[in-house]
Amino acid sequence: MTTHPLLQTLIPLVSDLSRELPERERYRRLLEALRGLLPCDATALLRLDGEQLVPMAVDGLSQDTLGRRFKVSEHPRLQALMENRGVTRFAADCGLPDPYDGLVEGHQEHLEVHDCMGCPLYLDDRPWGVLTLDAMDPSRFDGQDLEVLEGFASLAAATVKAVERMDSLTRRAQDEQQLAEVYRQAARQVRSQEMIGQSPPHKALMEEINLVGGSELTVLISGETGVGKELVAQSIHARSLRARHPLISLNCAALPETLVESELFGHVRGAFSGAVSERKGKFELADEGTLFLDEVGELPLAIQAKLLRVLQSGQLQRVGSDREHRVNVRVIAATNRDLAEEVRAGRFRADLYHRLSVYPLRVPPLRERGRDVLLLTGYFLEENRARLGLRSLRLSPDAQAALLGYNWPGNVRELEHLIGRAALKALAACVERPRILTLTANDLALPSNQPAPTSRPVDAPEIEAVGDLREAVDQYQRQLITASLDRQQQNWAAAARELGLDRANLLRLAKRLGIK
């Protein structure tokens, strides 16, 4: 390559360094220029995050690649790139698997990458990530290309540094909580999951999380089952000044009514049968930190009154004790119920509702997030690829279309389970173990397109009139409850919500009807 084309490629990128551009647009232009400078089938920019590489931008790879997370220790080529400060080119007959096998756009056959090279990017002498170039032609790159890439890497590092510097200045101008930023970075290293998405609803949610995270406001997270309300609570806590203190979680729907008070406020020895020692409750464990109350709408009314007192005064009493304990806790609550409607129906205290919903936050269902479903799918595909020991796990075009066309009544949780199930079944159906496994629409086995659920009516089972009216009513109620439990996988709290009953009332009714 002559100096003139090289300058023509680099000059616009240098000019971009002084312009205000969104991070992803800046990285997209960088890869577009690299692919124009060194024509190939695909390029990618990945950032090192702990022990994994996170795609920041790709050009020529399938869209779900952006949702994948490549653990360095599981990808020998990426590991080799990180260990060499210079440019590395892999021989065409190299036996090391390529992380992008089967992911290059326009190549739906089981084609593997035949020529690839890349280099690490360093910022202030610390490893930031890698640049990769891949080609199907085994002789695409030569020695001169390695020199060009080495020079280009310096400009790429300058671009990344400019992005980070601008981002840092913006955050500082918007929020001077530098300590919270340190905690957020620490939390990022240990978290097991992250919030993935690029759709407008997802971005709006992230903006609200960033806004409320640094405050001390009580947050009420609402959303359908499976949208990731607990993940939102974790993100809010990680962005708060309480991040160095614990985030304690309690699922209010998973406990018998008799144990809820003890779990929240603790108990003393002998307070009830089985209380053989003194025990702190969730509030005391979360002191100086955050308490996440999942399914808060399931709390019995008697417990709601005691919870309100703690929220108002910061004081609590353990079960069986008269001694006051003072706590400093931020509460984040979540529910898939319409609590305003629960208040009108008399099943939830109005004063507690207003105390919890100081900052209401709605998590959008997956069907409203557009192509985010493919990014999330990429994340789950990579998880299952590593679990199943495959070189690559990818989607066929008809599978992508099926995912985009489905309404996802179970949201992200349903997607996660679907991908795990489909990958396992598709692998079991192979006569010989493949290196690259492609999931088709048939493997996903999605139901036919459904209308988006609004309120889920309970199907009334058909019964025959037997005996007197009371017996007929009991039989009808028995069948109705049994059918709801079957639909909810024997989850009594979920069945109670579906039937519009308080869980305790449903249990009493079931006991009278002889339902176990």
Protein backbone atom coordinates (compact mmCIF):
# COMPACT_ATOMS: atom_id res chain seq x y z
CA MET A 1 0.00 0.00 0.00
CA THR A 2 1.34 3.44 -0.92
CA THR A 3 1.59 6.34 1.49
CA HIS A 4 -1.16 8.29 -0.30
CA PRO A 5 -4.01 5.77 0.25
CA LEU A 6 -2.82 5.27 3.82
CA LEU A 7 -3.02 9.02 4.50
CA GLN A 8 -6.41 9.19 2.83
CA THR A 9 -7.65 6.56 5.27
CA LEU A 10 -6.07 8.03 8.40
CA ILE A 11 -6.84 11.75 7.90
CA PRO A 12 -10.63 11.42 8.49
CA LEU A 13 -9.98 9.34 11.60
CA VAL A 14 -7.58 11.93 12.98
CA SER A 15 -10.20 14.58 12.28
CA ASP A 16 -12.78 12.49 14.16
CA LEU A 17 -10.66 12.68 17.32
CA SER A 18 -11.68 16.31 17.82
CA ARG A 19 -15.38 15.74 17.09
CA GLU A 20 -18.16 14.83 19.48
CA LEU A 21 -19.38 11.42 18.34
CA PRO A 22 -21.20 8.61 20.16
CA GLU A 23 -18.85 5.89 21.29
CA ARG A 24 -20.27 3.19 19.00
CA GLU A 25 -20.25 5.50 15.97
CA ARG A 26 -16.61 6.37 16.57
CA TYR A 27 -15.69 2.70 16.84
CA ARG A 28 -17.78 1.86 13.75
CA ARG A 29 -15.88 4.43 11.68
CA LEU A 30 -12.62 3.03 12.98
CA LEU A 31 -13.44 -0.51 11.81
CA GLU A 32 -14.86 0.75 8.52
CA ALA A 33 -11.57 2.53 7.85
CA LEU A 34 -9.55 -0.54 8.85
CA ARG A 35 -11.52 -2.78 6.52
CA GLY A 36 -11.02 -0.28 3.72
CA LEU A 37 -7.30 -0.14 4.43
CA LEU A 38 -6.89 -3.91 4.71
CA PRO A 39 -9.78 -5.52 2.77
CA CYS A 40 -11.02 -8.65 4.54
CA ASP A 41 -14.24 -10.39 5.48
CA ALA A 42 -14.61 -9.17 9.06
CA THR A 43 -13.05 -6.89 11.67
CA ALA A 44 -13.77 -6.51 15.38
CA LEU A 45 -12.77 -4.29 18.30
CA LEU A 46 -12.98 -5.97 21.70
CA ARG A 47 -12.43 -4.46 25.14
CA LEU A 48 -10.85 -6.41 27.98
CA ASP A 49 -13.20 -6.62 30.96
CA GLY A 50 -11.69 -8.75 33.70
CA GLU A 51 -11.08 -12.19 32.19
CA GLN A 52 -13.28 -11.70 29.14
CA LEU A 53 -13.25 -9.68 25.92
CA VAL A 54 -16.39 -7.67 25.18
CA PRO A 55 -17.16 -6.72 21.53
CA MET A 56 -17.44 -2.93 21.24
CA ALA A 57 -17.93 -2.90 17.45
CA VAL A 58 -17.89 -5.45 14.63
CA ASP A 59 -17.89 -5.15 10.84
CA GLY A 60 -18.73 -8.21 8.77
CA LEU A 61 -19.79 -10.41 11.71
CA SER A 62 -23.33 -11.42 12.68
CA GLN A 63 -25.18 -8.94 14.88
CA ASP A 64 -25.44 -11.33 17.81
CA THR A 65 -21.63 -11.17 18.15
CA LEU A 66 -22.09 -7.89 20.04
CA GLY A 67 -23.92 -9.78 22.76
CA ARG A 68 -21.24 -12.45 23.18
CA ARG A 69 -18.56 -12.39 25.85
CA PHE A 70 -15.33 -14.19 24.95
CA LYS A 71 -13.52 -15.61 27.97
CA VAL A 72 -9.83 -15.26 27.08
CA SER A 73 -8.82 -18.57 28.62
CA GLU A 74 -11.34 -20.41 26.41
CA HIS A 75 -10.17 -18.86 23.10
CA PRO A 76 -6.50 -19.65 22.34
CA ARG A 77 -6.21 -17.16 19.47
CA LEU A 78 -7.47 -14.27 21.55
CA GLN A 79 -5.16 -15.35 24.36
CA ALA A 80 -2.23 -15.38 21.94
CA LEU A 81 -3.10 -11.86 20.74
CA MET A 82 -3.20 -10.55 24.32
CA GLU A 83 0.17 -12.11 25.18
CA ASN A 84 2.04 -10.52 22.24
CA ARG A 85 2.58 -6.74 22.23
CA GLY A 86 2.98 -6.71 18.44
CA VAL A 87 0.88 -7.92 15.50
CA THR A 88 0.18 -11.65 15.36
CA ARG A 89 -0.79 -13.51 12.19
CA PHE A 90 -1.97 -17.08 12.41
CA ALA A 91 -0.93 -19.54 9.73
CA ALA A 92 -3.63 -20.85 7.40
CA ASP A 93 -3.14 -24.36 8.75
CA CYS A 94 -3.14 -23.21 12.40
CA GLY A 95 -5.03 -25.70 14.52
CA LEU A 96 -6.22 -23.15 17.07
CA PRO A 97 -10.00 -22.55 16.86
CA ASP A 98 -11.09 -19.09 15.79
CA PRO A 99 -13.75 -17.41 17.99
CA TYR A 100 -15.55 -16.18 14.86
CA ASP A 101 -15.89 -19.53 13.10
CA GLY A 102 -19.40 -19.60 11.65
CA LEU A 103 -20.11 -15.95 12.54
CA VAL A 104 -18.90 -14.21 9.38
CA GLU A 105 -21.83 -12.66 7.51
CA GLY A 106 -22.65 -13.95 4.06
CA HIS A 107 -21.19 -17.39 4.73
CA GLN A 108 -23.98 -19.61 5.96
CA GLU A 109 -22.09 -22.82 5.19
CA HIS A 110 -19.84 -24.28 7.85
CA LEU A 111 -16.89 -22.21 6.73
CA GLU A 112 -14.10 -21.55 9.16
CA VAL A 113 -11.84 -18.53 9.17
CA HIS A 114 -8.68 -19.33 7.16
CA ASP A 115 -6.52 -16.26 7.57
CA CYS A 116 -6.59 -13.98 10.55
CA MET A 117 -4.37 -11.52 12.33
CA GLY A 118 -4.71 -9.02 15.10
CA CYS A 119 -2.97 -7.05 17.79
CA PRO A 120 -3.58 -5.85 21.35
CA LEU A 121 -4.34 -2.22 22.18
CA TYR A 122 -2.58 -0.59 25.10
CA LEU A 123 -3.60 2.60 26.89
CA ASP A 124 -0.92 4.15 29.10
CA ASP A 125 0.94 0.82 29.04
CA ARG A 126 -2.08 -1.16 30.24
CA PRO A 127 -3.87 -3.70 28.03
CA TRP A 128 -7.23 -2.34 26.86
CA GLY A 129 -8.36 -4.89 24.28
CA VAL A 130 -7.67 -6.26 20.80
CA LEU A 131 -8.23 -5.55 17.11
CA THR A 132 -8.92 -8.59 14.90
CA LEU A 133 -9.11 -9.09 11.13
CA ASP A 134 -10.44 -12.28 9.55
CA ALA A 135 -10.60 -13.54 5.99
CA MET A 136 -11.82 -16.67 4.26
CA ASP A 137 -8.97 -16.45 1.74
CA PRO A 138 -6.01 -18.28 3.37
CA SER A 139 -3.49 -16.00 1.64
CA ARG A 140 -5.24 -12.68 2.14
CA PHE A 141 -2.66 -11.05 4.43
CA ASP A 142 1.09 -10.60 3.91
CA GLY A 143 4.07 -9.06 5.69
CA GLN A 144 3.28 -5.53 4.52
CA ASP A 145 -0.23 -5.82 5.96
CA LEU A 146 1.28 -6.59 9.36
CA GLU A 147 3.26 -3.35 9.25
CA VAL A 148 0.15 -1.38 8.22
CA LEU A 149 -1.87 -2.88 11.06
CA GLU A 150 0.85 -2.05 13.57
CA GLY A 151 0.73 1.60 12.50
CA PHE A 152 -3.07 1.62 12.47
CA ALA A 153 -3.14 0.20 16.01
CA SER A 154 -1.52 3.38 17.34
CA LEU A 155 -4.34 5.47 15.87
CA ALA A 156 -6.90 2.98 17.19
CA ALA A 157 -5.42 3.32 20.68
CA ALA A 158 -5.61 7.11 20.38
CA THR A 159 -9.27 6.81 19.33
CA VAL A 160 -10.07 4.58 22.29
CA LYS A 161 -8.24 6.94 24.63
CA ALA A 162 -10.18 9.91 23.23
CA VAL A 163 -13.44 8.05 23.76
CA GLU A 164 -12.53 7.20 27.33
CA ARG A 165 -11.34 10.73 28.08
CA MET A 166 -14.52 12.33 26.70
CA ASP A 167 -16.65 9.82 28.53
CA SER A 168 -14.82 10.55 31.77
CA LEU A 169 -15.26 14.30 31.39
CA THR A 170 -18.94 13.89 30.61
CA ARG A 171 -19.52 11.76 33.68
CA ARG A 172 -17.66 14.20 35.86
CA ALA A 173 -19.72 17.10 34.57
CA GLN A 174 -22.96 15.22 35.13
CA ASP A 175 -22.11 13.58 38.43
CA GLU A 176 -19.25 14.36 40.78
CA GLN A 177 -19.60 11.13 42.71
CA GLN A 178 -16.15 9.85 41.89
CA LEU A 179 -16.30 7.35 44.70
CA ALA A 180 -19.39 5.75 43.19
CA GLU A 181 -17.52 5.32 39.91
CA VAL A 182 -14.75 3.42 41.69
CA TYR A 183 -17.30 1.14 43.30
CA ARG A 184 -19.06 0.60 39.99
CA GLN A 185 -15.81 -0.53 38.39
CA ALA A 186 -15.17 -2.90 41.26
CA ALA A 187 -18.69 -4.29 41.00
CA ARG A 188 -18.22 -4.82 37.25
CA GLN A 189 -15.33 -7.17 37.92
CA VAL A 190 -17.35 -9.47 40.16
CA ARG A 191 -20.81 -9.38 38.71
CA SER A 192 -22.04 -12.54 37.09
CA GLN A 193 -24.41 -10.86 34.65
CA GLU A 194 -24.74 -7.57 32.83
CA MET A 195 -27.47 -5.62 31.13
CA ILE A 196 -27.18 -6.02 27.37
CA GLY A 197 -29.06 -4.00 24.77
CA GLN A 198 -28.98 -1.11 22.32
CA SER A 199 -32.68 -0.44 21.70
CA PRO A 200 -34.22 2.95 22.62
CA PRO A 201 -36.29 1.43 25.48
CA HIS A 202 -33.17 -0.22 26.91
CA LYS A 203 -31.14 2.98 26.62
CA ALA A 204 -33.93 4.94 28.31
CA LEU A 205 -33.94 2.40 31.16
CA MET A 206 -30.15 2.68 31.55
CA GLU A 207 -30.41 6.48 31.66
CA GLU A 208 -32.95 6.23 34.48
CA ILE A 209 -30.75 3.74 36.34
CA ASN A 210 -27.78 6.10 36.05
CA LEU A 211 -29.95 8.99 37.20
CA VAL A 212 -31.45 7.35 40.29
CA GLY A 213 -28.45 5.17 41.14
CA GLY A 214 -26.46 7.92 42.83
CA SER A 215 -29.42 9.14 44.87
CA GLU A 216 -30.87 7.80 48.09
CA LEU A 217 -34.43 7.54 46.73
CA THR A 218 -36.51 4.43 47.29
CA VAL A 219 -37.14 2.75 43.92
CA LEU A 220 -40.11 0.63 42.88
CA ILE A 221 -39.25 -1.53 39.87
CA SER A 222 -42.22 -2.86 37.93
CA GLY A 223 -42.33 -5.20 34.99
CA GLU A 224 -43.47 -8.57 33.77
CA THR A 225 -42.03 -11.83 35.03
CA GLY A 226 -38.61 -12.56 33.52
CA VAL A 227 -37.64 -9.05 32.39
CA GLY A 228 -34.69 -8.83 34.79
CA LYS A 229 -35.94 -6.70 37.69
CA GLU A 230 -33.32 -8.10 40.06
CA LEU A 231 -30.60 -7.25 37.55
CA VAL A 232 -31.90 -3.67 37.47
CA ALA A 233 -31.74 -3.54 41.28
CA GLN A 234 -28.14 -4.78 41.18
CA SER A 235 -27.25 -2.07 38.66
CA ILE A 236 -28.83 0.66 40.80
CA HIS A 237 -26.92 -0.55 43.86
CA ALA A 238 -23.64 -0.72 41.93
CA ARG A 239 -24.04 2.93 40.92
CA SER A 240 -24.76 4.15 44.45
CA LEU A 241 -22.54 5.39 47.26
CA ARG A 242 -23.64 2.25 49.12
CA ALA A 243 -21.95 -0.04 46.59
CA ARG A 244 -19.16 -0.99 49.00
CA HIS A 245 -21.82 -2.26 51.42
CA PRO A 246 -23.97 -5.34 50.81
CA LEU A 247 -26.99 -5.72 48.57
CA ILE A 248 -29.32 -8.08 50.43
CA SER A 249 -32.22 -9.69 48.56
CA LEU A 250 -35.46 -11.21 49.80
CA ASN A 251 -38.09 -12.88 47.61
CA CYS A 252 -41.30 -12.05 49.45
CA ALA A 253 -43.27 -14.65 47.48
CA ALA A 254 -41.01 -17.56 48.40
CA LEU A 255 -41.64 -17.53 52.16
CA PRO A 256 -44.55 -18.76 54.27
CA GLU A 257 -46.45 -15.93 55.93
CA THR A 258 -45.25 -17.06 59.38
CA LEU A 259 -41.57 -16.60 58.42
CA VAL A 260 -41.71 -13.30 56.54
CA GLU A 261 -41.50 -11.13 59.67
CA SER A 262 -38.53 -13.10 61.03
CA GLU A 263 -36.71 -12.91 57.69
CA LEU A 264 -37.18 -9.15 57.49
CA PHE A 265 -36.62 -8.09 61.08
CA GLY A 266 -34.86 -11.06 62.75
CA HIS A 267 -35.80 -12.87 65.93
CA VAL A 268 -34.52 -13.65 69.41
CA ARG A 269 -34.00 -17.07 70.92
CA GLY A 270 -37.28 -18.72 71.89
CA ALA A 271 -39.44 -16.27 69.94
CA PHE A 272 -41.21 -19.21 68.28
CA SER A 273 -40.84 -22.94 67.82
CA GLY A 274 -37.50 -23.60 66.13
CA ALA A 275 -35.90 -20.26 67.12
CA VAL A 276 -32.95 -21.88 68.91
CA SER A 277 -30.69 -18.83 68.65
CA GLU A 278 -30.82 -15.08 68.06
CA ARG A 279 -30.76 -14.12 64.39
CA LYS A 280 -30.47 -10.89 62.43
CA GLY A 281 -33.03 -10.12 59.75
CA LYS A 282 -32.46 -8.84 56.23
CA PHE A 283 -32.74 -5.20 57.32
CA GLU A 284 -29.87 -5.49 59.79
CA LEU A 285 -27.76 -7.48 57.31
CA ALA A 286 -28.27 -4.67 54.78
CA ASP A 287 -27.34 -1.88 57.22
CA GLU A 288 -25.51 0.92 55.35
CA GLY A 289 -26.29 -0.94 52.14
CA THR A 290 -29.35 -1.81 50.04
CA LEU A 291 -32.27 -4.17 50.64
CA PHE A 292 -33.99 -5.56 47.55
CA LEU A 293 -37.56 -6.75 48.18
CA ASP A 294 -38.60 -8.86 45.21
CA GLU A 295 -42.32 -9.54 44.68
CA VAL A 296 -43.16 -6.99 47.38
CA GLY A 297 -46.83 -7.20 46.41
CA GLU A 298 -46.97 -10.64 48.04
CA LEU A 299 -46.37 -9.29 51.57
CA PRO A 300 -49.27 -9.89 53.98
CA LEU A 301 -51.04 -6.74 55.17
CA ALA A 302 -49.85 -7.21 58.77
CA ILE A 303 -46.22 -7.26 57.64
CA GLN A 304 -46.81 -4.27 55.37
CA ALA A 305 -47.62 -2.13 58.42
CA LYS A 306 -44.38 -3.13 60.17
CA LEU A 307 -42.35 -2.56 57.01
CA LEU A 308 -43.81 0.93 56.70
CA ARG A 309 -42.71 1.74 60.25
CA VAL A 310 -39.11 0.75 59.49
CA LEU A 311 -39.10 2.80 56.29
CA GLN A 312 -40.40 5.85 58.14
CA SER A 313 -38.30 5.69 61.30
CA GLY A 314 -35.36 3.44 60.51
CA GLN A 315 -36.14 1.46 63.68
CA LEU A 316 -37.18 -2.17 64.00
CA GLN A 317 -37.84 -4.81 66.61
CA ARG A 318 -36.81 -8.42 66.23
CA VAL A 319 -39.60 -10.96 66.67
CA GLY A 320 -39.96 -11.70 70.40
CA SER A 321 -37.97 -8.64 71.52
CA ASP A 322 -38.89 -5.18 72.80
CA ARG A 323 -35.48 -3.74 72.02
CA GLU A 324 -35.23 -1.21 69.20
CA HIS A 325 -32.56 -1.56 66.50
CA ARG A 326 -31.75 1.38 64.23
CA VAL A 327 -30.77 0.69 60.61
CA ASN A 328 -29.74 2.83 57.66
CA VAL A 329 -30.96 0.98 54.60
CA ARG A 330 -31.95 1.97 51.11
CA VAL A 331 -34.90 -0.09 49.87
CA ILE A 332 -35.44 -1.15 46.28
CA ALA A 333 -38.67 -3.07 45.69
CA ALA A 334 -39.91 -4.97 42.65
CA THR A 335 -43.26 -6.34 41.58
CA ASN A 336 -45.00 -7.76 38.53
CA ARG A 337 -48.35 -6.64 39.92
CA ASP A 338 -50.11 -3.33 39.37
CA LEU A 339 -49.71 -2.09 42.94
CA ALA A 340 -52.00 0.88 42.35
CA GLU A 341 -54.75 -1.58 41.47
CA GLU A 342 -53.82 -3.70 44.50
CA VAL A 343 -54.28 -0.60 46.67
CA ARG A 344 -57.73 0.03 45.18
CA ALA A 345 -58.64 -3.62 45.82
CA GLY A 346 -57.54 -3.33 49.46
CA ARG A 347 -54.73 -5.89 49.13
CA PHE A 348 -51.89 -3.38 49.55
CA ARG A 349 -51.55 -0.43 51.90
CA ALA A 350 -51.75 2.94 50.15
CA ASP A 351 -49.25 4.56 52.54
CA LEU A 352 -46.67 1.81 51.92
CA TYR A 353 -47.24 2.03 48.16
CA HIS A 354 -46.48 5.76 48.17
CA ARG A 355 -43.46 5.19 50.40
CA LEU A 356 -42.01 2.57 48.03
CA SER A 357 -42.79 4.31 44.74
CA VAL A 358 -40.79 7.49 45.34
CA TYR A 359 -39.04 6.70 42.06
CA PRO A 360 -41.07 4.25 39.93
CA LEU A 361 -39.03 2.45 37.29
CA ARG A 362 -40.63 0.29 34.59
CA VAL A 363 -38.56 -2.43 32.93
CA PRO A 364 -39.74 -2.88 29.32
CA PRO A 365 -40.73 -6.39 28.21
CA LEU A 366 -38.52 -8.09 25.65
CA ARG A 367 -41.12 -7.73 22.89
CA GLU A 368 -40.72 -3.92 23.10
CA ARG A 369 -36.93 -4.04 22.72
CA GLY A 370 -36.70 -4.92 19.02
CA ARG A 371 -33.38 -6.37 17.92
CA ASP A 372 -32.06 -6.55 21.48
CA VAL A 373 -33.32 -10.12 21.36
CA LEU A 374 -30.41 -10.98 19.04
CA LEU A 375 -27.81 -9.38 21.32
CA LEU A 376 -29.17 -11.26 24.32
CA THR A 377 -29.25 -14.42 22.22
CA GLY A 378 -25.58 -13.92 21.41
CA TYR A 379 -24.81 -13.73 25.12
CA PHE A 380 -26.68 -16.96 25.85
CA LEU A 381 -25.22 -18.69 22.78
CA GLU A 382 -21.70 -17.98 24.01
CA GLU A 383 -22.56 -19.26 27.49
CA ASN A 384 -23.90 -22.51 26.02
CA ARG A 385 -21.03 -22.82 23.55
CA ALA A 386 -18.57 -22.92 26.43
CA ARG A 387 -20.79 -25.23 28.48
CA LEU A 388 -21.17 -27.73 25.63
CA GLY A 389 -17.52 -27.52 24.54
CA LEU A 390 -18.25 -26.34 20.97
CA ARG A 391 -16.02 -24.24 18.76
CA SER A 392 -18.96 -22.13 17.64
CA LEU A 393 -22.68 -21.98 18.33
CA ARG A 394 -24.64 -19.77 15.96
CA LEU A 395 -28.10 -19.03 14.56
CA SER A 396 -29.40 -19.62 11.06
CA PRO A 397 -31.22 -16.72 9.33
CA ASP A 398 -34.61 -18.40 9.82
CA ALA A 399 -33.84 -18.80 13.54
CA GLN A 400 -33.03 -15.10 13.83
CA ALA A 401 -36.29 -14.25 12.08
CA ALA A 402 -38.22 -16.56 14.41
CA LEU A 403 -36.69 -14.92 17.48
CA LEU A 404 -37.52 -11.44 16.19
CA GLY A 405 -41.09 -12.44 15.37
CA TYR A 406 -41.94 -14.04 18.71
CA ASN A 407 -43.74 -12.10 21.46
CA TRP A 408 -41.78 -13.49 24.46
CA PRO A 409 -44.43 -13.79 27.18
CA GLY A 410 -41.67 -15.09 29.49
CA ASN A 411 -39.23 -12.33 28.45
CA VAL A 412 -35.44 -12.68 28.93
CA ARG A 413 -35.75 -15.67 31.25
CA GLU A 414 -37.74 -17.51 28.59
CA LEU A 415 -35.10 -16.64 25.96
CA GLU A 416 -32.29 -17.92 28.19
CA HIS A 417 -34.02 -21.24 28.80
CA LEU A 418 -35.01 -21.57 25.14
CA ILE A 419 -31.42 -21.19 23.88
CA GLY A 420 -30.06 -23.65 26.45
CA ARG A 421 -32.73 -26.21 25.59
CA ALA A 422 -32.37 -25.78 21.81
CA ALA A 423 -28.57 -26.06 21.92
CA LEU A 424 -28.70 -29.25 23.95
CA LYS A 425 -31.33 -30.88 21.70
CA ALA A 426 -29.57 -29.83 18.48
CA LEU A 427 -26.28 -31.27 19.70
CA ALA A 428 -27.93 -34.52 20.75
CA ALA A 429 -29.47 -34.86 17.27
CA CYS A 430 -26.05 -34.78 15.56
CA VAL A 431 -24.67 -38.15 14.45
CA GLU A 432 -21.12 -36.86 14.87
CA ARG A 433 -20.11 -34.12 17.27
CA PRO A 434 -19.75 -30.92 15.18
CA ARG A 435 -17.24 -28.14 15.72
CA ILE A 436 -19.76 -25.54 14.55
CA LEU A 437 -23.38 -26.02 15.54
CA THR A 438 -26.10 -23.97 13.87
CA LEU A 439 -29.49 -23.60 15.54
CA THR A 440 -32.40 -23.43 13.12
CA ALA A 441 -35.96 -22.29 13.64
CA ASN A 442 -36.95 -25.95 13.99
CA ASP A 443 -34.44 -26.36 16.82
CA LEU A 444 -35.97 -23.38 18.64
CA ALA A 445 -39.45 -24.87 18.29
CA LEU A 446 -41.13 -21.55 19.07
CA PRO A 447 -44.93 -21.51 19.21
CA SER A 448 -46.77 -19.79 16.40
CA ASN A 449 -46.85 -16.00 16.71
CA GLN A 450 -48.99 -14.91 19.63
CA PRO A 451 -50.63 -11.59 20.42
CA ALA A 452 -48.79 -9.68 23.14
CA PRO A 453 -50.32 -10.61 26.50
CA THR A 454 -52.23 -7.95 28.36
CA SER A 455 -54.14 -9.37 31.26
CA ARG A 456 -54.02 -13.14 31.32
CA PRO A 457 -57.53 -14.51 31.69
CA VAL A 458 -57.94 -17.74 33.55
CA ASP A 459 -59.47 -20.42 31.39
CA ALA A 460 -62.61 -21.74 33.01
CA PRO A 461 -62.60 -25.56 32.89
CA GLU A 462 -65.74 -27.29 31.78
CA ILE A 463 -67.48 -29.22 34.55
CA GLU A 464 -70.54 -31.33 34.76
CA ALA A 465 -73.27 -30.43 37.22
CA VAL A 466 -73.08 -33.00 40.03
CA GLY A 467 -74.78 -33.08 43.43
CA ASP A 468 -76.01 -29.90 45.05
CA LEU A 469 -74.93 -26.33 44.27
CA ARG A 470 -72.25 -26.17 47.01
CA GLU A 471 -70.59 -29.37 45.77
CA ALA A 472 -70.70 -28.08 42.18
CA VAL A 473 -69.07 -24.79 43.25
CA ASP A 474 -66.38 -26.65 45.21
CA GLN A 475 -65.65 -28.88 42.23
CA TYR A 476 -65.42 -25.86 39.95
CA GLN A 477 -63.03 -24.06 42.34
CA ARG A 478 -60.96 -27.23 42.73
CA GLN A 479 -60.51 -27.58 38.96
CA LEU A 480 -59.86 -23.88 38.52
CA ILE A 481 -57.08 -23.82 41.15
CA THR A 482 -55.54 -27.07 39.89
CA ALA A 483 -55.43 -25.77 36.31
CA SER A 484 -53.79 -22.53 37.44
CA LEU A 485 -51.17 -24.42 39.48
CA ASP A 486 -50.35 -26.56 36.45
CA ARG A 487 -49.85 -23.45 34.31
CA GLN A 488 -47.64 -21.86 36.98
CA GLN A 489 -45.51 -24.99 37.62
CA GLN A 490 -47.03 -25.41 41.12
CA ASN A 491 -46.00 -21.88 42.17
CA TRP A 492 -48.72 -20.91 44.66
CA ALA A 493 -47.85 -17.20 44.66
CA ALA A 494 -48.05 -17.00 40.86
CA ALA A 495 -51.32 -18.96 40.86
CA ALA A 496 -52.75 -16.57 43.45
CA ARG A 497 -51.85 -13.60 41.24
CA GLU A 498 -53.45 -15.25 38.23
CA LEU A 499 -56.62 -15.99 40.15
CA GLY A 500 -56.75 -12.52 41.73
CA LEU A 501 -56.47 -13.83 45.29
CA ASP A 502 -54.22 -13.20 48.25
CA ARG A 503 -51.79 -16.11 48.60
CA ALA A 504 -52.82 -16.83 52.18
CA ASN A 505 -56.51 -16.90 51.18
CA LEU A 506 -55.73 -19.25 48.30
CA LEU A 507 -53.88 -21.63 50.64
CA ARG A 508 -56.79 -21.67 53.08
CA LEU A 509 -59.26 -22.32 50.25
CA ALA A 510 -57.08 -25.09 48.83
CA LYS A 511 -56.84 -26.72 52.25
CA ARG A 512 -60.63 -26.69 52.60
CA LEU A 513 -61.01 -28.18 49.10
CA GLY A 514 -58.46 -30.90 49.83
CA ILE A 515 -55.86 -29.71 47.28
CA LYS A 516 -52.31 -30.67 48.28
